[in-house]
Amino acid sequence: MSLRRIVIRYAVVTLLIAFVLGYAVKGVVEKRAYLEAIDFFQYNPNAGKVIAAAEKLGMDPMEYYVRYIAPRNHPELGMSSLHVGLKYMAATLRDLFLSSGGHSSWNYLYGTATPSWGYIYRTLLFLLLADVSVVFLALLLSFKAVRSERFYGFLQMAARTFNGIPVWFFVVLFFLIIIYSPIPSDLANGLKGSGVETLAYFIFPVLSVLLVASWGLAEGITVVMREEFAQPYVEAKKAMGLPERRVKRHVVRASIVPVLHVWLQNFIEIQTLILVVDYLFRLNGLGTILASALVITPDSVFFYPKTFAFVVVTLVLLNFLVSLTVELLAIKLEPRGVA
């Protein structure tokens, strides 16, 4: 994938997210405007004038207030959904990089959460630990599968089996192991402490992701390497009398670029697992704050779009930067045509 295609793809993704976010924000702001209208008609001395103006236009006074008066305090109501979404995504980035903390003027769109760099740091640490573990195990499995046809068949079966098991199943399994074993129960009760001492709390979350994500990545790497071993140049190099170790080095070097793209796809996919496991193990990362964006009570449902925007914008920006880095590395490492 070229750099231009990456930029275009993420530009389209950004516009789509902005439209959905803007639509959600306008819905929340409109609901707030209706609540303000109730207070206005009960306590404001100008309520009679507004009611009279609404009756002249044949409109319900509440709708008149939301359409013509509320936009003075809530300019989002007069904007398109795409405009609102882009504005709030920009505000999210501004709050993230420029503000010293707290909410912007639209803090009711955050709900009870206070997005901060702490959520991002904890998620990035979890993502780094999980991805390094997944890649390490996947490489071990794929190297063995390349050498053994029988193990390759087992790997294919395992990939299809574990890909069909939801990650929460392993989370529950580890919860039971922690409860009914001498393992400290604190490991299932949320992240505690600071610095190196927090690493112990990531052991079971990382294992949960590892059991689901490593098999598919291993199968993808194996397919790439087996296809490379089947290329005519491999037999040609062997016929030239080159040592087996040197031939394998050529194959590994030729496989680096496609393996990078296989890894990138896996890296993006496991982020969903990261969010789910983060919430279930209460690691206080992006998964935790994402859950607070939707609050369901017996009487109502509350959606806080700017909290949702914080998580989505962070992940989109992360994936964009990683995709660009992978593409630049692929251009630099592309061995085709190199003697």
C-alpha atoms as a PDB file:
ATOM      1  CA  MET A   1       0.000   0.000   0.000  1.00  0.00           C
ATOM      2  CA  SER A   2       1.434   3.378  -1.032  1.00  0.00           C
ATOM      3  CA  LEU A   3       1.697   6.382   1.254  1.00  0.00           C
ATOM      4  CA  ARG A   4      -0.936   8.178  -0.822  1.00  0.00           C
ATOM      5  CA  ARG A   5      -3.405   5.319  -0.407  1.00  0.00           C
ATOM      6  CA  ILE A   6      -2.831   5.287   3.349  1.00  0.00           C
ATOM      7  CA  VAL A   7      -3.489   9.020   3.579  1.00  0.00           C
ATOM      8  CA  ILE A   8      -6.627   8.735   1.418  1.00  0.00           C
ATOM      9  CA  ARG A   9      -7.933   5.760   3.389  1.00  0.00           C
ATOM     10  CA  TYR A  10      -7.508   7.453   6.743  1.00  0.00           C
ATOM     11  CA  ALA A  11      -8.960  10.692   5.372  1.00  0.00           C
ATOM     12  CA  VAL A  12     -12.107   8.779   4.386  1.00  0.00           C
ATOM     13  CA  VAL A  13     -12.177   7.032   7.773  1.00  0.00           C
ATOM     14  CA  THR A  14     -11.816  10.387   9.537  1.00  0.00           C
ATOM     15  CA  LEU A  15     -14.700  11.910   7.564  1.00  0.00           C
ATOM     16  CA  LEU A  16     -16.921   8.905   8.296  1.00  0.00           C
ATOM     17  CA  ILE A  17     -16.123   9.035  12.011  1.00  0.00           C
ATOM     18  CA  ALA A  18     -16.657  12.799  12.016  1.00  0.00           C
ATOM     19  CA  PHE A  19     -20.113  12.416  10.461  1.00  0.00           C
ATOM     20  CA  VAL A  20     -21.196   9.753  12.968  1.00  0.00           C
ATOM     21  CA  LEU A  21     -19.728  11.721  15.868  1.00  0.00           C
ATOM     22  CA  GLY A  22     -21.347  14.952  14.698  1.00  0.00           C
ATOM     23  CA  TYR A  23     -24.715  13.254  14.368  1.00  0.00           C
ATOM     24  CA  ALA A  24     -24.374  11.918  17.920  1.00  0.00           C
ATOM     25  CA  VAL A  25     -23.256  15.280  19.308  1.00  0.00           C
ATOM     26  CA  LYS A  26     -26.166  17.089  17.676  1.00  0.00           C
ATOM     27  CA  GLY A  27     -28.549  14.531  19.166  1.00  0.00           C
ATOM     28  CA  VAL A  28     -27.161  15.045  22.664  1.00  0.00           C
ATOM     29  CA  VAL A  29     -27.130  18.839  22.309  1.00  0.00           C
ATOM     30  CA  GLU A  30     -30.695  18.818  20.994  1.00  0.00           C
ATOM     31  CA  LYS A  31     -31.813  16.764  23.974  1.00  0.00           C
ATOM     32  CA  ARG A  32     -30.126  19.260  26.275  1.00  0.00           C
ATOM     33  CA  ALA A  33     -31.829  22.121  24.421  1.00  0.00           C
ATOM     34  CA  TYR A  34     -35.248  20.535  25.028  1.00  0.00           C
ATOM     35  CA  LEU A  35     -34.456  20.299  28.751  1.00  0.00           C
ATOM     36  CA  GLU A  36     -33.433  23.952  28.746  1.00  0.00           C
ATOM     37  CA  ALA A  37     -36.672  24.807  26.952  1.00  0.00           C
ATOM     38  CA  ILE A  38     -38.689  23.333  29.817  1.00  0.00           C
ATOM     39  CA  ASP A  39     -36.955  25.655  32.292  1.00  0.00           C
ATOM     40  CA  PHE A  40     -37.299  28.566  29.894  1.00  0.00           C
ATOM     41  CA  PHE A  41     -41.072  28.254  29.564  1.00  0.00           C
ATOM     42  CA  GLN A  42     -41.500  27.757  33.306  1.00  0.00           C
ATOM     43  CA  TYR A  43     -39.335  30.562  34.647  1.00  0.00           C
ATOM     44  CA  ASN A  44     -38.335  33.028  31.910  1.00  0.00           C
ATOM     45  CA  PRO A  45     -40.465  36.215  31.722  1.00  0.00           C
ATOM     46  CA  ASN A  46     -40.092  36.238  27.930  1.00  0.00           C
ATOM     47  CA  ALA A  47     -41.722  32.835  27.562  1.00  0.00           C
ATOM     48  CA  GLY A  48     -45.033  34.399  26.535  1.00  0.00           C
ATOM     49  CA  LYS A  49     -43.431  36.233  23.616  1.00  0.00           C
ATOM     50  CA  VAL A  50     -41.796  33.038  22.387  1.00  0.00           C
ATOM     51  CA  ILE A  51     -45.076  31.129  22.620  1.00  0.00           C
ATOM     52  CA  ALA A  52     -46.824  33.856  20.632  1.00  0.00           C
ATOM     53  CA  ALA A  53     -44.110  33.816  17.958  1.00  0.00           C
ATOM     54  CA  ALA A  54     -44.345  30.034  17.716  1.00  0.00           C
ATOM     55  CA  GLU A  55     -48.128  30.145  17.319  1.00  0.00           C
ATOM     56  CA  LYS A  56     -47.814  32.651  14.462  1.00  0.00           C
ATOM     57  CA  LEU A  57     -45.634  30.160  12.596  1.00  0.00           C
ATOM     58  CA  GLY A  58     -47.865  27.232  13.533  1.00  0.00           C
ATOM     59  CA  MET A  59     -45.043  25.594  15.473  1.00  0.00           C
ATOM     60  CA  ASP A  60     -44.870  23.886  18.810  1.00  0.00           C
ATOM     61  CA  PRO A  61     -43.200  26.305  21.298  1.00  0.00           C
ATOM     62  CA  MET A  62     -40.632  23.668  22.272  1.00  0.00           C
ATOM     63  CA  GLU A  63     -39.630  23.101  18.651  1.00  0.00           C
ATOM     64  CA  TYR A  64     -39.502  26.863  18.079  1.00  0.00           C
ATOM     65  CA  TYR A  65     -37.160  27.274  21.027  1.00  0.00           C
ATOM     66  CA  VAL A  66     -34.851  24.476  19.858  1.00  0.00           C
ATOM     67  CA  ARG A  67     -34.756  25.717  16.264  1.00  0.00           C
ATOM     68  CA  TYR A  68     -34.443  29.475  16.727  1.00  0.00           C
ATOM     69  CA  ILE A  69     -33.319  30.253  20.295  1.00  0.00           C
ATOM     70  CA  ALA A  70     -31.160  27.324  21.415  1.00  0.00           C
ATOM     71  CA  PRO A  71     -28.578  27.784  18.603  1.00  0.00           C
ATOM     72  CA  ARG A  72     -27.487  31.022  20.304  1.00  0.00           C
ATOM     73  CA  ASN A  73     -26.031  28.936  23.144  1.00  0.00           C
ATOM     74  CA  HIS A  74     -25.522  25.745  21.136  1.00  0.00           C
ATOM     75  CA  PRO A  75     -24.178  26.666  17.680  1.00  0.00           C
ATOM     76  CA  GLU A  76     -23.858  22.946  16.855  1.00  0.00           C
ATOM     77  CA  LEU A  77     -27.595  22.869  16.161  1.00  0.00           C
ATOM     78  CA  GLY A  78     -27.073  25.145  13.165  1.00  0.00           C
ATOM     79  CA  MET A  79     -24.157  23.170  11.709  1.00  0.00           C
ATOM     80  CA  SER A  80     -24.015  20.053   9.572  1.00  0.00           C
ATOM     81  CA  SER A  81     -23.177  16.757  11.261  1.00  0.00           C
ATOM     82  CA  LEU A  82     -19.849  16.569   9.421  1.00  0.00           C
ATOM     83  CA  HIS A  83     -18.900  20.097  10.510  1.00  0.00           C
ATOM     84  CA  VAL A  84     -19.760  19.350  14.132  1.00  0.00           C
ATOM     85  CA  GLY A  85     -17.848  16.069  14.069  1.00  0.00           C
ATOM     86  CA  LEU A  86     -14.699  17.622  12.630  1.00  0.00           C
ATOM     87  CA  LYS A  87     -14.945  20.455  15.149  1.00  0.00           C
ATOM     88  CA  TYR A  88     -15.177  18.059  18.077  1.00  0.00           C
ATOM     89  CA  MET A  89     -12.380  15.837  16.795  1.00  0.00           C
ATOM     90  CA  ALA A  90     -10.171  18.925  16.539  1.00  0.00           C
ATOM     91  CA  ALA A  91     -11.265  19.962  20.043  1.00  0.00           C
ATOM     92  CA  THR A  92     -10.347  16.500  21.318  1.00  0.00           C
ATOM     93  CA  LEU A  93      -6.839  16.796  19.888  1.00  0.00           C
ATOM     94  CA  ARG A  94      -6.520  20.331  21.249  1.00  0.00           C
ATOM     95  CA  ASP A  95      -7.589  19.241  24.731  1.00  0.00           C
ATOM     96  CA  LEU A  96      -5.208  16.296  24.543  1.00  0.00           C
ATOM     97  CA  PHE A  97      -2.099  18.165  23.453  1.00  0.00           C
ATOM     98  CA  LEU A  98      -2.635  21.748  24.595  1.00  0.00           C
ATOM     99  CA  SER A  99      -4.842  21.851  27.684  1.00  0.00           C
ATOM    100  CA  SER A 100      -3.509  21.178  31.172  1.00  0.00           C
ATOM    101  CA  GLY A 101      -6.469  19.022  32.151  1.00  0.00           C
ATOM    102  CA  GLY A 102     -10.171  19.209  32.798  1.00  0.00           C
ATOM    103  CA  HIS A 103     -12.988  19.675  30.346  1.00  0.00           C
ATOM    104  CA  SER A 104     -13.719  22.198  27.670  1.00  0.00           C
ATOM    105  CA  SER A 105     -16.844  24.369  27.694  1.00  0.00           C
ATOM    106  CA  TRP A 106     -18.953  21.384  26.593  1.00  0.00           C
ATOM    107  CA  ASN A 107     -18.012  19.206  29.536  1.00  0.00           C
ATOM    108  CA  TYR A 108     -21.508  17.700  29.821  1.00  0.00           C
ATOM    109  CA  LEU A 109     -20.632  15.731  26.681  1.00  0.00           C
ATOM    110  CA  TYR A 110     -17.906  13.922  28.659  1.00  0.00           C
ATOM    111  CA  GLY A 111     -20.204  12.526  31.325  1.00  0.00           C
ATOM    112  CA  THR A 112     -18.409  11.435  34.481  1.00  0.00           C
ATOM    113  CA  ALA A 113     -15.103  10.660  32.751  1.00  0.00           C
ATOM    114  CA  THR A 114     -12.108  12.957  32.528  1.00  0.00           C
ATOM    115  CA  PRO A 115     -10.049  11.903  29.476  1.00  0.00           C
ATOM    116  CA  SER A 116      -6.326  12.318  30.032  1.00  0.00           C
ATOM    117  CA  TRP A 117      -2.965  10.993  28.918  1.00  0.00           C
ATOM    118  CA  GLY A 118      -3.042   8.455  31.747  1.00  0.00           C
ATOM    119  CA  TYR A 119      -5.634   6.358  29.905  1.00  0.00           C
ATOM    120  CA  ILE A 120      -3.494   6.430  26.776  1.00  0.00           C
ATOM    121  CA  TYR A 121      -0.280   5.509  28.613  1.00  0.00           C
ATOM    122  CA  ARG A 122      -1.875   2.484  30.264  1.00  0.00           C
ATOM    123  CA  THR A 123      -3.418   1.293  27.000  1.00  0.00           C
ATOM    124  CA  LEU A 124      -0.158   1.743  25.090  1.00  0.00           C
ATOM    125  CA  LEU A 125       1.705  -0.234  27.763  1.00  0.00           C
ATOM    126  CA  PHE A 126      -0.872  -3.026  27.585  1.00  0.00           C
ATOM    127  CA  LEU A 127      -0.805  -2.951  23.775  1.00  0.00           C
ATOM    128  CA  LEU A 128       2.998  -3.067  23.709  1.00  0.00           C
ATOM    129  CA  LEU A 129       3.234  -5.991  26.141  1.00  0.00           C
ATOM    130  CA  ALA A 130       0.482  -7.927  24.361  1.00  0.00           C
ATOM    131  CA  ASP A 131       1.778  -7.298  20.848  1.00  0.00           C
ATOM    132  CA  VAL A 132       5.379  -8.199  21.689  1.00  0.00           C
ATOM    133  CA  SER A 133       4.142 -11.454  23.256  1.00  0.00           C
ATOM    134  CA  VAL A 134       1.875 -12.210  20.290  1.00  0.00           C
ATOM    135  CA  VAL A 135       4.631 -11.553  17.736  1.00  0.00           C
ATOM    136  CA  PHE A 136       7.202 -13.614  19.648  1.00  0.00           C
ATOM    137  CA  LEU A 137       4.904 -16.640  19.950  1.00  0.00           C
ATOM    138  CA  ALA A 138       3.667 -16.257  16.359  1.00  0.00           C
ATOM    139  CA  LEU A 139       7.232 -16.280  15.016  1.00  0.00           C
ATOM    140  CA  LEU A 140       8.076 -19.425  16.988  1.00  0.00           C
ATOM    141  CA  LEU A 141       4.951 -21.173  15.700  1.00  0.00           C
ATOM    142  CA  SER A 142       5.432 -20.034  12.101  1.00  0.00           C
ATOM    143  CA  PHE A 143       9.091 -21.108  11.911  1.00  0.00           C
ATOM    144  CA  LYS A 144       8.097 -24.555  13.124  1.00  0.00           C
ATOM    145  CA  ALA A 145       5.145 -24.682  10.705  1.00  0.00           C
ATOM    146  CA  VAL A 146       7.403 -23.813   7.765  1.00  0.00           C
ATOM    147  CA  ARG A 147       9.594 -26.829   8.541  1.00  0.00           C
ATOM    148  CA  SER A 148       6.789 -29.266   9.326  1.00  0.00           C
ATOM    149  CA  GLU A 149       3.756 -29.897   7.112  1.00  0.00           C
ATOM    150  CA  ARG A 150       2.046 -31.715   9.959  1.00  0.00           C
ATOM    151  CA  PHE A 151       2.519 -28.828  12.375  1.00  0.00           C
ATOM    152  CA  TYR A 152       1.269 -26.433   9.687  1.00  0.00           C
ATOM    153  CA  GLY A 153      -1.987 -28.388   9.560  1.00  0.00           C
ATOM    154  CA  PHE A 154      -2.242 -28.177  13.349  1.00  0.00           C
ATOM    155  CA  LEU A 155      -1.576 -24.430  13.200  1.00  0.00           C
ATOM    156  CA  GLN A 156      -4.369 -23.917  10.661  1.00  0.00           C
ATOM    157  CA  MET A 157      -6.800 -25.835  12.853  1.00  0.00           C
ATOM    158  CA  ALA A 158      -5.711 -23.948  15.983  1.00  0.00           C
ATOM    159  CA  ALA A 159      -6.056 -20.575  14.234  1.00  0.00           C
ATOM    160  CA  ARG A 160      -9.641 -21.321  13.218  1.00  0.00           C
ATOM    161  CA  THR A 161     -10.483 -22.672  16.664  1.00  0.00           C
ATOM    162  CA  PHE A 162      -9.035 -19.865  18.767  1.00  0.00           C
ATOM    163  CA  ASN A 163     -10.241 -17.142  16.405  1.00  0.00           C
ATOM    164  CA  GLY A 164     -13.765 -18.364  17.105  1.00  0.00           C
ATOM    165  CA  ILE A 165     -13.407 -18.111  20.894  1.00  0.00           C
ATOM    166  CA  PRO A 166     -14.294 -14.679  22.345  1.00  0.00           C
ATOM    167  CA  VAL A 167     -11.569 -13.103  24.418  1.00  0.00           C
ATOM    168  CA  TRP A 168     -13.866 -12.691  27.420  1.00  0.00           C
ATOM    169  CA  PHE A 169     -13.969 -16.501  27.708  1.00  0.00           C
ATOM    170  CA  PHE A 170     -10.283 -16.533  28.642  1.00  0.00           C
ATOM    171  CA  VAL A 171     -10.790 -13.553  30.937  1.00  0.00           C
ATOM    172  CA  VAL A 172     -13.466 -15.476  32.846  1.00  0.00           C
ATOM    173  CA  LEU A 173     -11.242 -18.564  32.851  1.00  0.00           C
ATOM    174  CA  PHE A 174      -8.371 -16.602  34.389  1.00  0.00           C
ATOM    175  CA  PHE A 175     -10.733 -15.032  36.914  1.00  0.00           C
ATOM    176  CA  LEU A 176     -11.701 -18.538  38.061  1.00  0.00           C
ATOM    177  CA  ILE A 177      -8.048 -19.595  38.220  1.00  0.00           C
ATOM    178  CA  ILE A 178      -7.214 -16.552  40.348  1.00  0.00           C
ATOM    179  CA  ILE A 179     -10.192 -17.102  42.657  1.00  0.00           C
ATOM    180  CA  TYR A 180      -9.625 -20.825  43.236  1.00  0.00           C
ATOM    181  CA  SER A 181      -5.831 -20.783  43.523  1.00  0.00           C
ATOM    182  CA  PRO A 182      -3.191 -19.216  45.780  1.00  0.00           C
ATOM    183  CA  ILE A 183      -2.656 -16.457  43.186  1.00  0.00           C
ATOM    184  CA  PRO A 184      -3.268 -13.026  44.804  1.00  0.00           C
ATOM    185  CA  SER A 185      -6.851 -11.949  44.135  1.00  0.00           C
ATOM    186  CA  ASP A 186      -5.682  -8.352  43.646  1.00  0.00           C
ATOM    187  CA  LEU A 187      -4.619  -9.323  40.130  1.00  0.00           C
ATOM    188  CA  ALA A 188      -8.311  -9.463  39.182  1.00  0.00           C
ATOM    189  CA  ASN A 189      -9.402  -6.344  41.066  1.00  0.00           C
ATOM    190  CA  GLY A 190      -8.027  -3.592  38.892  1.00  0.00           C
ATOM    191  CA  LEU A 191      -4.716  -1.856  38.358  1.00  0.00           C
ATOM    192  CA  LYS A 192      -2.944  -0.717  41.526  1.00  0.00           C
ATOM    193  CA  GLY A 193       0.373   0.883  42.365  1.00  0.00           C
ATOM    194  CA  SER A 194       2.699   2.663  39.975  1.00  0.00           C
ATOM    195  CA  GLY A 195       5.809   2.040  37.926  1.00  0.00           C
ATOM    196  CA  VAL A 196       7.253  -1.449  37.590  1.00  0.00           C
ATOM    197  CA  GLU A 197       4.986  -2.876  40.296  1.00  0.00           C
ATOM    198  CA  THR A 198       1.989  -2.508  37.951  1.00  0.00           C
ATOM    199  CA  LEU A 199       3.431  -4.992  35.442  1.00  0.00           C
ATOM    200  CA  ALA A 200       2.127  -7.962  37.450  1.00  0.00           C
ATOM    201  CA  TYR A 201      -1.436  -6.793  36.786  1.00  0.00           C
ATOM    202  CA  PHE A 202      -0.873  -7.165  33.038  1.00  0.00           C
ATOM    203  CA  ILE A 203       0.099 -10.859  33.143  1.00  0.00           C
ATOM    204  CA  PHE A 204      -3.376 -12.361  32.769  1.00  0.00           C
ATOM    205  CA  PRO A 205      -4.684  -9.634  30.423  1.00  0.00           C
ATOM    206  CA  VAL A 206      -1.712 -10.261  28.127  1.00  0.00           C
ATOM    207  CA  LEU A 207      -2.280 -14.025  28.277  1.00  0.00           C
ATOM    208  CA  SER A 208      -5.944 -13.491  27.351  1.00  0.00           C
ATOM    209  CA  VAL A 209      -4.985 -11.565  24.218  1.00  0.00           C
ATOM    210  CA  LEU A 210      -2.105 -13.932  23.449  1.00  0.00           C
ATOM    211  CA  LEU A 211      -4.331 -17.017  23.353  1.00  0.00           C
ATOM    212  CA  VAL A 212      -6.693 -15.415  20.840  1.00  0.00           C
ATOM    213  CA  ALA A 213      -4.433 -13.341  18.593  1.00  0.00           C
ATOM    214  CA  SER A 214      -1.188 -15.293  18.180  1.00  0.00           C
ATOM    215  CA  TRP A 215      -2.543 -18.197  16.107  1.00  0.00           C
ATOM    216  CA  GLY A 216      -3.938 -16.107  13.272  1.00  0.00           C
ATOM    217  CA  LEU A 217      -0.751 -14.050  13.029  1.00  0.00           C
ATOM    218  CA  ALA A 218       1.358 -17.219  13.024  1.00  0.00           C
ATOM    219  CA  GLU A 219      -0.728 -18.674  10.202  1.00  0.00           C
ATOM    220  CA  GLY A 220      -0.401 -15.473   8.170  1.00  0.00           C
ATOM    221  CA  ILE A 221       3.378 -15.375   8.593  1.00  0.00           C
ATOM    222  CA  THR A 222       3.615 -19.066   7.697  1.00  0.00           C
ATOM    223  CA  VAL A 223       1.657 -18.560   4.471  1.00  0.00           C
ATOM    224  CA  VAL A 224       3.985 -15.726   3.442  1.00  0.00           C
ATOM    225  CA  MET A 225       7.144 -17.685   4.187  1.00  0.00           C
ATOM    226  CA  ARG A 226       5.925 -20.894   2.544  1.00  0.00           C
ATOM    227  CA  GLU A 227       5.074 -18.944  -0.606  1.00  0.00           C
ATOM    228  CA  GLU A 228       8.536 -17.383  -0.552  1.00  0.00           C
ATOM    229  CA  PHE A 229      10.216 -20.774  -0.168  1.00  0.00           C
ATOM    230  CA  ALA A 230       8.274 -21.917  -3.251  1.00  0.00           C
ATOM    231  CA  GLN A 231       9.736 -19.131  -5.425  1.00  0.00           C
ATOM    232  CA  PRO A 232      12.028 -20.289  -8.291  1.00  0.00           C
ATOM    233  CA  TYR A 233      14.992 -18.280  -7.019  1.00  0.00           C
ATOM    234  CA  VAL A 234      15.210 -20.507  -3.928  1.00  0.00           C
ATOM    235  CA  GLU A 235      15.904 -23.620  -5.991  1.00  0.00           C
ATOM    236  CA  ALA A 236      18.266 -21.608  -8.170  1.00  0.00           C
ATOM    237  CA  LYS A 237      20.311 -20.521  -5.169  1.00  0.00           C
ATOM    238  CA  LYS A 238      20.413 -24.100  -3.889  1.00  0.00           C
ATOM    239  CA  ALA A 239      21.561 -25.280  -7.319  1.00  0.00           C
ATOM    240  CA  MET A 240      24.348 -22.696  -7.159  1.00  0.00           C
ATOM    241  CA  GLY A 241      25.630 -24.506  -4.089  1.00  0.00           C
ATOM    242  CA  LEU A 242      24.819 -21.789  -1.574  1.00  0.00           C
ATOM    243  CA  PRO A 243      24.647 -23.001   2.044  1.00  0.00           C
ATOM    244  CA  GLU A 244      21.172 -23.728   3.417  1.00  0.00           C
ATOM    245  CA  ARG A 245      21.575 -21.081   6.116  1.00  0.00           C
ATOM    246  CA  ARG A 246      22.346 -18.410   3.514  1.00  0.00           C
ATOM    247  CA  VAL A 247      19.352 -19.413   1.401  1.00  0.00           C
ATOM    248  CA  LYS A 248      17.108 -19.138   4.456  1.00  0.00           C
ATOM    249  CA  ARG A 249      18.478 -15.666   5.156  1.00  0.00           C
ATOM    250  CA  HIS A 250      17.503 -14.625   1.627  1.00  0.00           C
ATOM    251  CA  VAL A 251      14.006 -16.019   2.135  1.00  0.00           C
ATOM    252  CA  VAL A 252      13.572 -14.296   5.494  1.00  0.00           C
ATOM    253  CA  ARG A 253      14.785 -11.014   4.032  1.00  0.00           C
ATOM    254  CA  ALA A 254      12.390 -11.313   1.088  1.00  0.00           C
ATOM    255  CA  SER A 255       9.517 -12.081   3.484  1.00  0.00           C
ATOM    256  CA  ILE A 256      10.022  -9.059   5.743  1.00  0.00           C
ATOM    257  CA  VAL A 257       7.802  -6.634   3.815  1.00  0.00           C
ATOM    258  CA  PRO A 258       4.730  -8.899   3.415  1.00  0.00           C
ATOM    259  CA  VAL A 259       5.154 -10.045   7.030  1.00  0.00           C
ATOM    260  CA  LEU A 260       5.106  -6.397   8.127  1.00  0.00           C
ATOM    261  CA  HIS A 261       1.744  -5.929   6.411  1.00  0.00           C
ATOM    262  CA  VAL A 262       0.394  -9.128   7.988  1.00  0.00           C
ATOM    263  CA  TRP A 263       1.535  -7.819  11.374  1.00  0.00           C
ATOM    264  CA  LEU A 264      -0.093  -4.429  10.757  1.00  0.00           C
ATOM    265  CA  GLN A 265      -3.451  -6.065  10.098  1.00  0.00           C
ATOM    266  CA  ASN A 266      -3.099  -8.123  13.268  1.00  0.00           C
ATOM    267  CA  PHE A 267      -1.987  -5.046  15.242  1.00  0.00           C
ATOM    268  CA  ILE A 268      -5.168  -3.203  14.280  1.00  0.00           C
ATOM    269  CA  GLU A 269      -7.376  -6.221  14.973  1.00  0.00           C
ATOM    270  CA  ILE A 270      -6.075  -6.894  18.490  1.00  0.00           C
ATOM    271  CA  GLN A 271      -6.969  -3.382  19.592  1.00  0.00           C
ATOM    272  CA  THR A 272     -10.576  -4.523  19.956  1.00  0.00           C
ATOM    273  CA  LEU A 273      -9.352  -7.319  22.226  1.00  0.00           C
ATOM    274  CA  ILE A 274      -7.268  -4.799  24.155  1.00  0.00           C
ATOM    275  CA  LEU A 275     -10.304  -2.583  24.812  1.00  0.00           C
ATOM    276  CA  VAL A 276     -12.454  -5.517  25.977  1.00  0.00           C
ATOM    277  CA  VAL A 277      -9.788  -7.016  28.245  1.00  0.00           C
ATOM    278  CA  ASP A 278      -8.867  -3.582  29.592  1.00  0.00           C
ATOM    279  CA  TYR A 279     -12.459  -3.034  30.689  1.00  0.00           C
ATOM    280  CA  LEU A 280     -12.939  -6.515  32.180  1.00  0.00           C
ATOM    281  CA  PHE A 281      -9.661  -6.434  34.131  1.00  0.00           C
ATOM    282  CA  ARG A 282     -10.227  -2.776  35.069  1.00  0.00           C
ATOM    283  CA  LEU A 283      -6.834  -1.630  33.858  1.00  0.00           C
ATOM    284  CA  ASN A 284      -8.128   1.949  33.656  1.00  0.00           C
ATOM    285  CA  GLY A 285      -7.185   2.424  30.015  1.00  0.00           C
ATOM    286  CA  LEU A 286      -9.127   3.368  26.900  1.00  0.00           C
ATOM    287  CA  GLY A 287     -11.430   0.356  27.283  1.00  0.00           C
ATOM    288  CA  THR A 288     -12.491   1.596  30.710  1.00  0.00           C
ATOM    289  CA  ILE A 289     -13.206   5.127  29.545  1.00  0.00           C
ATOM    290  CA  LEU A 290     -14.971   3.855  26.414  1.00  0.00           C
ATOM    291  CA  ALA A 291     -17.394   1.919  28.615  1.00  0.00           C
ATOM    292  CA  SER A 292     -18.225   5.149  30.456  1.00  0.00           C
ATOM    293  CA  ALA A 293     -19.316   6.751  27.179  1.00  0.00           C
ATOM    294  CA  LEU A 294     -22.528   4.709  27.281  1.00  0.00           C
ATOM    295  CA  VAL A 295     -24.503   4.524  30.514  1.00  0.00           C
ATOM    296  CA  ILE A 296     -27.704   2.496  30.597  1.00  0.00           C
ATOM    297  CA  THR A 297     -30.128   2.947  33.492  1.00  0.00           C
ATOM    298  CA  PRO A 298     -33.594   1.451  34.052  1.00  0.00           C
ATOM    299  CA  ASP A 299     -35.115   4.765  32.945  1.00  0.00           C
ATOM    300  CA  SER A 300     -32.867   6.040  30.188  1.00  0.00           C
ATOM    301  CA  VAL A 301     -29.738   5.680  28.081  1.00  0.00           C
ATOM    302  CA  PHE A 302     -26.977   8.289  28.247  1.00  0.00           C
ATOM    303  CA  PHE A 303     -24.365   8.595  25.516  1.00  0.00           C
ATOM    304  CA  TYR A 304     -21.389  10.913  25.981  1.00  0.00           C
ATOM    305  CA  PRO A 305     -20.021  11.488  22.467  1.00  0.00           C
ATOM    306  CA  LYS A 306     -16.934  13.472  23.387  1.00  0.00           C
ATOM    307  CA  THR A 307     -15.690  10.649  25.597  1.00  0.00           C
ATOM    308  CA  PHE A 308     -16.305   8.312  22.656  1.00  0.00           C
ATOM    309  CA  ALA A 309     -14.440  10.773  20.409  1.00  0.00           C
ATOM    310  CA  PHE A 310     -11.440  10.738  22.750  1.00  0.00           C
ATOM    311  CA  VAL A 311     -11.035   6.970  22.341  1.00  0.00           C
ATOM    312  CA  VAL A 312     -11.731   6.855  18.609  1.00  0.00           C
ATOM    313  CA  VAL A 313      -9.500   9.806  17.714  1.00  0.00           C
ATOM    314  CA  THR A 314      -6.657   8.326  19.780  1.00  0.00           C
ATOM    315  CA  LEU A 315      -6.874   4.935  18.050  1.00  0.00           C
ATOM    316  CA  VAL A 316      -7.261   6.408  14.554  1.00  0.00           C
ATOM    317  CA  LEU A 317      -4.234   8.646  15.099  1.00  0.00           C
ATOM    318  CA  LEU A 318      -2.222   5.718  16.483  1.00  0.00           C
ATOM    319  CA  ASN A 319      -3.104   3.449  13.553  1.00  0.00           C
ATOM    320  CA  PHE A 320      -2.385   6.201  11.039  1.00  0.00           C
ATOM    321  CA  LEU A 321       1.088   6.794  12.474  1.00  0.00           C
ATOM    322  CA  VAL A 322       1.842   3.067  12.682  1.00  0.00           C
ATOM    323  CA  SER A 323       0.605   2.503   9.103  1.00  0.00           C
ATOM    324  CA  LEU A 324       2.826   5.309   7.819  1.00  0.00           C
ATOM    325  CA  THR A 325       5.797   3.889   9.725  1.00  0.00           C
ATOM    326  CA  VAL A 326       5.208   0.399   8.324  1.00  0.00           C
ATOM    327  CA  GLU A 327       4.931   1.748   4.780  1.00  0.00           C
ATOM    328  CA  LEU A 328       8.140   3.761   5.136  1.00  0.00           C
ATOM    329  CA  LEU A 329       9.910   0.686   6.513  1.00  0.00           C
ATOM    330  CA  ALA A 330       8.514  -1.411   3.669  1.00  0.00           C
ATOM    331  CA  ILE A 331       9.909   1.036   1.111  1.00  0.00           C
ATOM    332  CA  LYS A 332      13.307   0.975   2.812  1.00  0.00           C
ATOM    333  CA  LEU A 333      13.425  -2.805   3.327  1.00  0.00           C
ATOM    334  CA  GLU A 334      11.929  -3.929   0.009  1.00  0.00           C
ATOM    335  CA  PRO A 335      14.487  -6.468  -1.222  1.00  0.00           C
ATOM    336  CA  ARG A 336      13.101  -7.051  -4.726  1.00  0.00           C
ATOM    337  CA  GLY A 337      15.614  -6.198  -7.330  1.00  0.00           C
ATOM    338  CA  VAL A 338      18.454  -6.085  -4.807  1.00  0.00           C
ATOM    339  CA  ALA A 339      21.318  -8.467  -5.568  1.00  0.00           C
END
